[in-house]
Amino acid sequence: MELVSYGAVFTPTEKEIQVDFPDVPEAFTQGQTMDEAIENAKLGLAIVINDKLGHFEPAPAATPIDQLKTAFPDREVRLIEVDLEKY
């Protein structure tokens, strides 16, 4: 098991919930519901981190979740954890 965790910022719009990872900006995604957005976030995060590691790049450092909540007070911020071996 190879777990990684990064904070994600969830932004609702009229049509979807957008998900951004401040520490991994290329892992952005979206979903129609919060559950779908979280699942898509897990997949996107795993793909990007696995790609970086596969190219011998280090995984970016994760900002503590409390700092992200302070930086984005008007949005929902959640910790997304994935097992890289599952993807």
Protein backbone atom coordinates (compact mmCIF):
# COMPACT_ATOMS: atom_id res chain seq x y z
CA MET A 1 0.00 0.00 0.00
CA GLU A 2 1.35 3.42 -0.98
CA LEU A 3 -0.90 6.14 0.45
CA VAL A 4 -0.72 9.79 -0.49
CA SER A 5 -2.89 12.61 0.86
CA TYR A 6 -3.46 16.10 -0.50
CA GLY A 7 -5.92 18.82 0.30
CA ALA A 8 -8.57 19.49 -2.34
CA VAL A 9 -10.67 22.62 -2.77
CA PHE A 10 -14.28 22.07 -3.87
CA THR A 11 -16.05 24.89 -5.71
CA PRO A 12 -19.73 24.46 -6.60
CA THR A 13 -20.93 26.04 -9.83
CA GLU A 14 -24.35 25.99 -11.49
CA LYS A 15 -23.56 22.77 -13.37
CA GLU A 16 -20.93 20.91 -11.33
CA ILE A 17 -18.55 20.82 -8.42
CA GLN A 18 -15.04 21.72 -9.47
CA VAL A 19 -12.09 20.21 -7.62
CA ASP A 20 -8.63 21.73 -7.47
CA PHE A 21 -5.49 20.58 -5.67
CA PRO A 22 -3.34 23.62 -4.81
CA ASP A 23 -0.26 21.39 -4.45
CA VAL A 24 -0.99 19.35 -7.59
CA PRO A 25 -2.69 21.78 -10.01
CA GLU A 26 -2.64 19.35 -12.92
CA ALA A 27 -4.96 16.99 -10.98
CA PHE A 28 -8.03 19.25 -11.32
CA THR A 29 -11.37 17.56 -11.98
CA GLN A 30 -15.11 17.90 -11.37
CA GLY A 31 -18.27 15.97 -10.61
CA GLN A 32 -22.02 16.39 -10.73
CA THR A 33 -22.37 15.47 -7.04
CA MET A 34 -19.98 15.68 -4.10
CA ASP A 35 -19.54 11.90 -4.08
CA GLU A 36 -18.70 11.91 -7.79
CA ALA A 37 -16.34 14.87 -7.35
CA ILE A 38 -14.50 13.05 -4.54
CA GLU A 39 -14.17 9.84 -6.58
CA ASN A 40 -12.93 11.79 -9.61
CA ALA A 41 -10.50 13.66 -7.35
CA LYS A 42 -9.05 10.38 -6.09
CA LEU A 43 -8.59 9.10 -9.62
CA GLY A 44 -7.09 12.35 -10.92
CA LEU A 45 -4.72 12.62 -7.98
CA ALA A 46 -3.56 9.02 -8.36
CA ILE A 47 -2.97 9.41 -12.10
CA VAL A 48 -0.90 12.58 -11.73
CA ILE A 49 1.20 11.35 -8.80
CA ASN A 50 1.82 7.97 -10.44
CA ASP A 51 2.87 9.77 -13.63
CA LYS A 52 5.31 11.98 -11.73
CA LEU A 53 6.81 9.02 -9.88
CA GLY A 54 6.99 7.03 -13.12
CA HIS A 55 9.09 9.82 -14.62
CA PHE A 56 11.33 9.90 -11.53
CA GLU A 57 9.92 13.23 -10.39
CA PRO A 58 9.27 13.69 -6.70
CA ALA A 59 5.71 13.98 -5.49
CA PRO A 60 5.02 17.56 -4.41
CA ALA A 61 4.95 18.38 -0.72
CA ALA A 62 1.45 18.53 0.72
CA THR A 63 0.29 21.72 2.41
CA PRO A 64 -1.27 21.04 5.82
CA ILE A 65 -5.06 20.92 5.58
CA ASP A 66 -5.47 23.67 8.20
CA GLN A 67 -3.44 26.06 6.06
CA LEU A 68 -5.60 25.29 3.03
CA LYS A 69 -8.79 25.86 5.03
CA THR A 70 -7.43 29.25 6.09
CA ALA A 71 -6.43 30.09 2.51
CA PHE A 72 -9.87 29.12 1.12
CA PRO A 73 -12.33 30.09 3.88
CA ASP A 74 -15.32 30.35 1.55
CA ARG A 75 -14.88 26.90 -0.01
CA GLU A 76 -15.05 23.33 1.16
CA VAL A 77 -11.60 21.87 1.69
CA ARG A 78 -11.13 18.14 2.23
CA LEU A 79 -8.19 15.80 2.51
CA ILE A 80 -8.15 13.31 -0.35
CA GLU A 81 -6.23 10.12 0.32
CA VAL A 82 -5.49 7.47 -2.28
CA ASP A 83 -3.59 4.23 -2.45
CA LEU A 84 -1.41 4.62 -5.53
CA GLU A 85 -1.21 0.86 -5.97
CA LYS A 86 -4.95 0.71 -6.69
CA TYR A 87 -4.65 2.94 -9.75
